[in-house]
Structure formats: C-alpha cells, structure tokens
Amino acid sequence: MCRNIRTLHHFDPPATPDEIRASALQYVRKLSGMRQPSRANQAAFERAVERVVEATAELLGTLEAHGPPRDREVEREKAIQRGVARRR
C-alpha cells in the first residue's frame, strides 16, 4: 500500500506535483485504511489528500539541502537491490 511514499527531498530535478500527490494519496490511504473511500467519505478523503499535498510542497520548499542532489536512477537501483536482498 505504501509503494509511492518515497523520499522526495533533494533530487535534481525536484519532485514533481504528480510525485507529491501520489505520495500524499498513499499516506492518506494508509492512515484511513481505505484504498477507495465510500461516497460519504469521498470529500473528507480528497480534502485530506489536498492538505497533505500542500504541507508536503511547503516542507520540500523550505528544507535546506547539504551535499549534491540525489540521482533518481541511482536511488531506483538501490531500491531494486534492497528488494533482491529481502527476497533471499
């Protein structure tokens, strides 16, 4: 359920709005325990996602970075290697 919750800080190029939204959606899904909310809960669910998107964008915009930016491909390869190691 949490595959899209990723580190978004200090990448070149910076995290896209789509990446931020995907992470926010997974976060709200995890907290609520719902993959898809009922119609009665849809508005509250979407409002929560939007607030998490806003808070995340603000956070990423104000964090200070030290060192060189991360490379998405290098981070992806590291994640693949961690997955392979877990399967053993």
N, C-alpha and C. Protein backbone atom coordinates (compact mmCIF):
# COMPACT_ATOMS: atom_id res chain seq x y z
N MET A 1 0.82 -1.19 0.00
CA MET A 1 0.00 0.00 0.00
C MET A 1 0.86 1.26 0.00
N CYS A 2 2.10 1.20 0.44
CA CYS A 2 2.90 2.42 0.60
C CYS A 2 4.00 2.55 -0.45
N ARG A 3 3.87 1.90 -1.58
CA ARG A 3 4.94 1.93 -2.57
C ARG A 3 5.26 3.33 -3.08
N ASN A 4 4.28 4.21 -3.14
CA ASN A 4 4.53 5.54 -3.69
C ASN A 4 4.98 6.55 -2.65
N ILE A 5 5.09 6.13 -1.41
CA ILE A 5 5.64 7.05 -0.41
C ILE A 5 7.15 6.93 -0.51
N ARG A 6 7.75 7.93 -1.09
CA ARG A 6 9.18 7.91 -1.36
C ARG A 6 9.83 9.18 -0.82
N THR A 7 11.14 9.11 -0.71
CA THR A 7 11.88 10.32 -0.39
C THR A 7 11.75 11.26 -1.58
N LEU A 8 11.33 12.46 -1.33
CA LEU A 8 11.14 13.44 -2.40
C LEU A 8 12.09 14.62 -2.30
N HIS A 9 12.81 14.71 -1.20
CA HIS A 9 13.67 15.86 -0.94
C HIS A 9 15.04 15.70 -1.61
N HIS A 10 15.52 16.78 -2.19
CA HIS A 10 16.89 16.94 -2.67
C HIS A 10 17.21 16.08 -3.89
N PHE A 11 16.33 16.15 -4.88
CA PHE A 11 16.58 15.49 -6.15
C PHE A 11 16.75 16.55 -7.22
N ASP A 12 17.48 16.20 -8.25
CA ASP A 12 17.62 17.07 -9.41
C ASP A 12 17.15 16.28 -10.61
N PRO A 13 16.06 16.62 -11.25
CA PRO A 13 15.16 17.74 -10.98
C PRO A 13 14.31 17.49 -9.73
N PRO A 14 13.74 18.56 -9.16
CA PRO A 14 12.94 18.43 -7.94
C PRO A 14 11.70 17.56 -8.16
N ALA A 15 11.11 17.13 -7.06
CA ALA A 15 9.89 16.31 -7.12
C ALA A 15 8.80 17.06 -7.89
N THR A 16 8.08 16.32 -8.69
CA THR A 16 7.00 16.91 -9.48
C THR A 16 5.72 16.95 -8.65
N PRO A 17 4.77 17.78 -9.03
CA PRO A 17 3.47 17.77 -8.34
C PRO A 17 2.80 16.39 -8.38
N ASP A 18 2.98 15.65 -9.46
CA ASP A 18 2.40 14.31 -9.55
C ASP A 18 3.03 13.36 -8.52
N GLU A 19 4.34 13.46 -8.33
CA GLU A 19 5.02 12.62 -7.33
C GLU A 19 4.54 12.98 -5.92
N ILE A 20 4.40 14.26 -5.66
CA ILE A 20 3.93 14.70 -4.34
C ILE A 20 2.50 14.20 -4.11
N ARG A 21 1.65 14.33 -5.10
CA ARG A 21 0.26 13.88 -4.96
C ARG A 21 0.17 12.37 -4.76
N ALA A 22 0.96 11.60 -5.50
CA ALA A 22 0.95 10.14 -5.36
C ALA A 22 1.35 9.73 -3.95
N SER A 23 2.36 10.38 -3.41
CA SER A 23 2.79 10.08 -2.05
C SER A 23 1.73 10.48 -1.03
N ALA A 24 1.12 11.64 -1.23
CA ALA A 24 0.06 12.10 -0.33
C ALA A 24 -1.13 11.15 -0.35
N LEU A 25 -1.51 10.70 -1.53
CA LEU A 25 -2.62 9.76 -1.66
C LEU A 25 -2.32 8.46 -0.91
N GLN A 26 -1.12 7.92 -1.07
CA GLN A 26 -0.76 6.68 -0.37
C GLN A 26 -0.75 6.90 1.14
N TYR A 27 -0.29 8.05 1.58
CA TYR A 27 -0.26 8.36 3.00
C TYR A 27 -1.67 8.38 3.59
N VAL A 28 -2.59 9.07 2.91
CA VAL A 28 -3.97 9.15 3.39
C VAL A 28 -4.63 7.77 3.33
N ARG A 29 -4.34 7.00 2.29
CA ARG A 29 -4.88 5.64 2.21
C ARG A 29 -4.41 4.80 3.40
N LYS A 30 -3.14 4.92 3.72
CA LYS A 30 -2.58 4.15 4.83
C LYS A 30 -3.23 4.56 6.15
N LEU A 31 -3.33 5.85 6.39
CA LEU A 31 -3.91 6.34 7.64
C LEU A 31 -5.37 5.96 7.79
N SER A 32 -6.12 6.07 6.70
CA SER A 32 -7.55 5.82 6.76
C SER A 32 -7.89 4.33 6.68
N GLY A 33 -6.96 3.54 6.17
CA GLY A 33 -7.24 2.12 5.99
C GLY A 33 -8.13 1.85 4.80
N MET A 34 -8.30 2.84 3.93
CA MET A 34 -9.18 2.71 2.76
C MET A 34 -8.39 2.93 1.49
N ARG A 35 -8.56 2.03 0.55
CA ARG A 35 -7.97 2.25 -0.76
C ARG A 35 -8.85 3.21 -1.54
N GLN A 36 -10.14 2.99 -1.46
CA GLN A 36 -11.12 3.85 -2.14
C GLN A 36 -12.22 4.19 -1.12
N PRO A 37 -12.39 5.45 -0.77
CA PRO A 37 -13.41 5.80 0.21
C PRO A 37 -14.82 5.67 -0.36
N SER A 38 -15.78 5.50 0.53
CA SER A 38 -17.18 5.48 0.10
C SER A 38 -17.58 6.88 -0.36
N ARG A 39 -18.72 6.98 -1.02
CA ARG A 39 -19.19 8.31 -1.45
C ARG A 39 -19.36 9.25 -0.26
N ALA A 40 -19.78 8.69 0.86
CA ALA A 40 -19.99 9.52 2.06
C ALA A 40 -18.67 10.09 2.58
N ASN A 41 -17.58 9.39 2.34
CA ASN A 41 -16.27 9.82 2.84
C ASN A 41 -15.38 10.45 1.78
N GLN A 42 -15.84 10.50 0.55
CA GLN A 42 -15.02 10.97 -0.56
C GLN A 42 -14.51 12.40 -0.36
N ALA A 43 -15.38 13.29 0.05
CA ALA A 43 -14.97 14.70 0.20
C ALA A 43 -13.91 14.85 1.29
N ALA A 44 -14.11 14.18 2.41
CA ALA A 44 -13.13 14.25 3.51
C ALA A 44 -11.79 13.66 3.08
N PHE A 45 -11.85 12.56 2.35
CA PHE A 45 -10.65 11.88 1.86
C PHE A 45 -9.87 12.81 0.93
N GLU A 46 -10.56 13.40 -0.06
CA GLU A 46 -9.90 14.29 -1.01
C GLU A 46 -9.35 15.54 -0.33
N ARG A 47 -10.10 16.06 0.64
CA ARG A 47 -9.63 17.23 1.40
C ARG A 47 -8.34 16.90 2.14
N ALA A 48 -8.28 15.71 2.72
CA ALA A 48 -7.07 15.28 3.44
C ALA A 48 -5.89 15.15 2.48
N VAL A 49 -6.13 14.57 1.32
CA VAL A 49 -5.06 14.43 0.33
C VAL A 49 -4.54 15.81 -0.07
N GLU A 50 -5.44 16.74 -0.34
CA GLU A 50 -5.01 18.08 -0.75
C GLU A 50 -4.22 18.78 0.35
N ARG A 51 -4.62 18.61 1.59
CA ARG A 51 -3.87 19.23 2.70
C ARG A 51 -2.49 18.62 2.84
N VAL A 52 -2.37 17.31 2.65
CA VAL A 52 -1.06 16.66 2.72
C VAL A 52 -0.19 17.13 1.55
N VAL A 53 -0.78 17.28 0.37
CA VAL A 53 -0.04 17.79 -0.79
C VAL A 53 0.51 19.18 -0.46
N GLU A 54 -0.33 20.05 0.08
CA GLU A 54 0.10 21.41 0.41
C GLU A 54 1.21 21.41 1.46
N ALA A 55 1.04 20.62 2.51
CA ALA A 55 2.05 20.56 3.57
C ALA A 55 3.37 20.00 3.03
N THR A 56 3.29 19.00 2.18
CA THR A 56 4.49 18.40 1.61
C THR A 56 5.22 19.39 0.71
N ALA A 57 4.48 20.07 -0.14
CA ALA A 57 5.11 21.06 -1.03
C ALA A 57 5.78 22.17 -0.22
N GLU A 58 5.12 22.61 0.84
CA GLU A 58 5.71 23.63 1.70
C GLU A 58 6.99 23.11 2.36
N LEU A 59 6.92 21.90 2.88
CA LEU A 59 8.09 21.30 3.53
C LEU A 59 9.25 21.19 2.56
N LEU A 60 9.00 20.63 1.39
CA LEU A 60 10.07 20.46 0.41
C LEU A 60 10.65 21.81 -0.04
N GLY A 61 9.81 22.82 -0.06
CA GLY A 61 10.27 24.15 -0.46
C GLY A 61 11.11 24.86 0.58
N THR A 62 11.03 24.42 1.83
CA THR A 62 11.75 25.12 2.89
C THR A 62 12.92 24.33 3.47
N LEU A 63 13.03 23.04 3.17
CA LEU A 63 14.14 22.26 3.69
C LEU A 63 15.45 22.70 3.06
N GLU A 64 16.50 22.73 3.85
CA GLU A 64 17.83 23.04 3.34
C GLU A 64 18.51 21.74 2.96
N ALA A 65 19.22 21.77 1.86
CA ALA A 65 19.92 20.58 1.38
C ALA A 65 21.42 20.75 1.58
N HIS A 66 22.06 19.66 1.94
CA HIS A 66 23.51 19.64 2.11
C HIS A 66 24.06 18.53 1.22
N GLY A 67 25.07 18.84 0.49
CA GLY A 67 25.66 17.85 -0.41
C GLY A 67 25.02 17.90 -1.77
N PRO A 68 25.51 17.05 -2.66
CA PRO A 68 24.98 17.06 -4.03
C PRO A 68 23.58 16.46 -4.08
N PRO A 69 22.77 16.90 -5.06
CA PRO A 69 21.42 16.34 -5.18
C PRO A 69 21.48 14.85 -5.51
N ARG A 70 20.42 14.15 -5.12
CA ARG A 70 20.32 12.72 -5.40
C ARG A 70 19.95 12.52 -6.86
N ASP A 71 20.32 11.36 -7.35
CA ASP A 71 20.00 10.96 -8.72
C ASP A 71 18.90 9.91 -8.67
N ARG A 72 17.81 10.12 -9.39
CA ARG A 72 16.67 9.19 -9.35
C ARG A 72 17.05 7.78 -9.80
N GLU A 73 17.88 7.68 -10.81
CA GLU A 73 18.26 6.35 -11.31
C GLU A 73 19.11 5.60 -10.29
N VAL A 74 20.02 6.29 -9.65
CA VAL A 74 20.85 5.65 -8.62
C VAL A 74 19.97 5.19 -7.46
N GLU A 75 19.04 6.02 -7.04
CA GLU A 75 18.14 5.65 -5.94
C GLU A 75 17.25 4.48 -6.34
N ARG A 76 16.82 4.44 -7.60
CA ARG A 76 15.99 3.34 -8.09
C ARG A 76 16.77 2.02 -8.06
N GLU A 77 18.02 2.06 -8.49
CA GLU A 77 18.86 0.86 -8.47
C GLU A 77 19.09 0.37 -7.04
N LYS A 78 19.29 1.29 -6.11
CA LYS A 78 19.47 0.91 -4.71
C LYS A 78 18.21 0.21 -4.19
N ALA A 79 17.04 0.73 -4.55
CA ALA A 79 15.78 0.13 -4.12
C ALA A 79 15.62 -1.27 -4.69
N ILE A 80 16.00 -1.45 -5.94
CA ILE A 80 15.93 -2.77 -6.56
C ILE A 80 16.84 -3.74 -5.83
N GLN A 81 18.04 -3.30 -5.51
CA GLN A 81 18.98 -4.17 -4.80
C GLN A 81 18.47 -4.53 -3.40
N ARG A 82 17.83 -3.58 -2.72
CA ARG A 82 17.25 -3.88 -1.40
C ARG A 82 16.15 -4.92 -1.54
N GLY A 83 15.34 -4.80 -2.59
CA GLY A 83 14.27 -5.76 -2.82
C GLY A 83 14.81 -7.16 -3.09
N VAL A 84 15.88 -7.23 -3.88
CA VAL A 84 16.51 -8.53 -4.18
C VAL A 84 17.05 -9.14 -2.89
N ALA A 85 17.69 -8.32 -2.07
CA ALA A 85 18.26 -8.83 -0.81
C ALA A 85 17.17 -9.32 0.14
N ARG A 86 16.00 -8.67 0.14
CA ARG A 86 14.91 -9.10 1.01
C ARG A 86 14.35 -10.45 0.60
N ARG A 87 14.38 -10.73 -0.68
CA ARG A 87 13.82 -12.00 -1.19
C ARG A 87 14.69 -13.20 -0.85
N ARG A 88 15.92 -12.96 -0.53
CA ARG A 88 16.84 -14.08 -0.25
C ARG A 88 16.59 -14.67 1.09
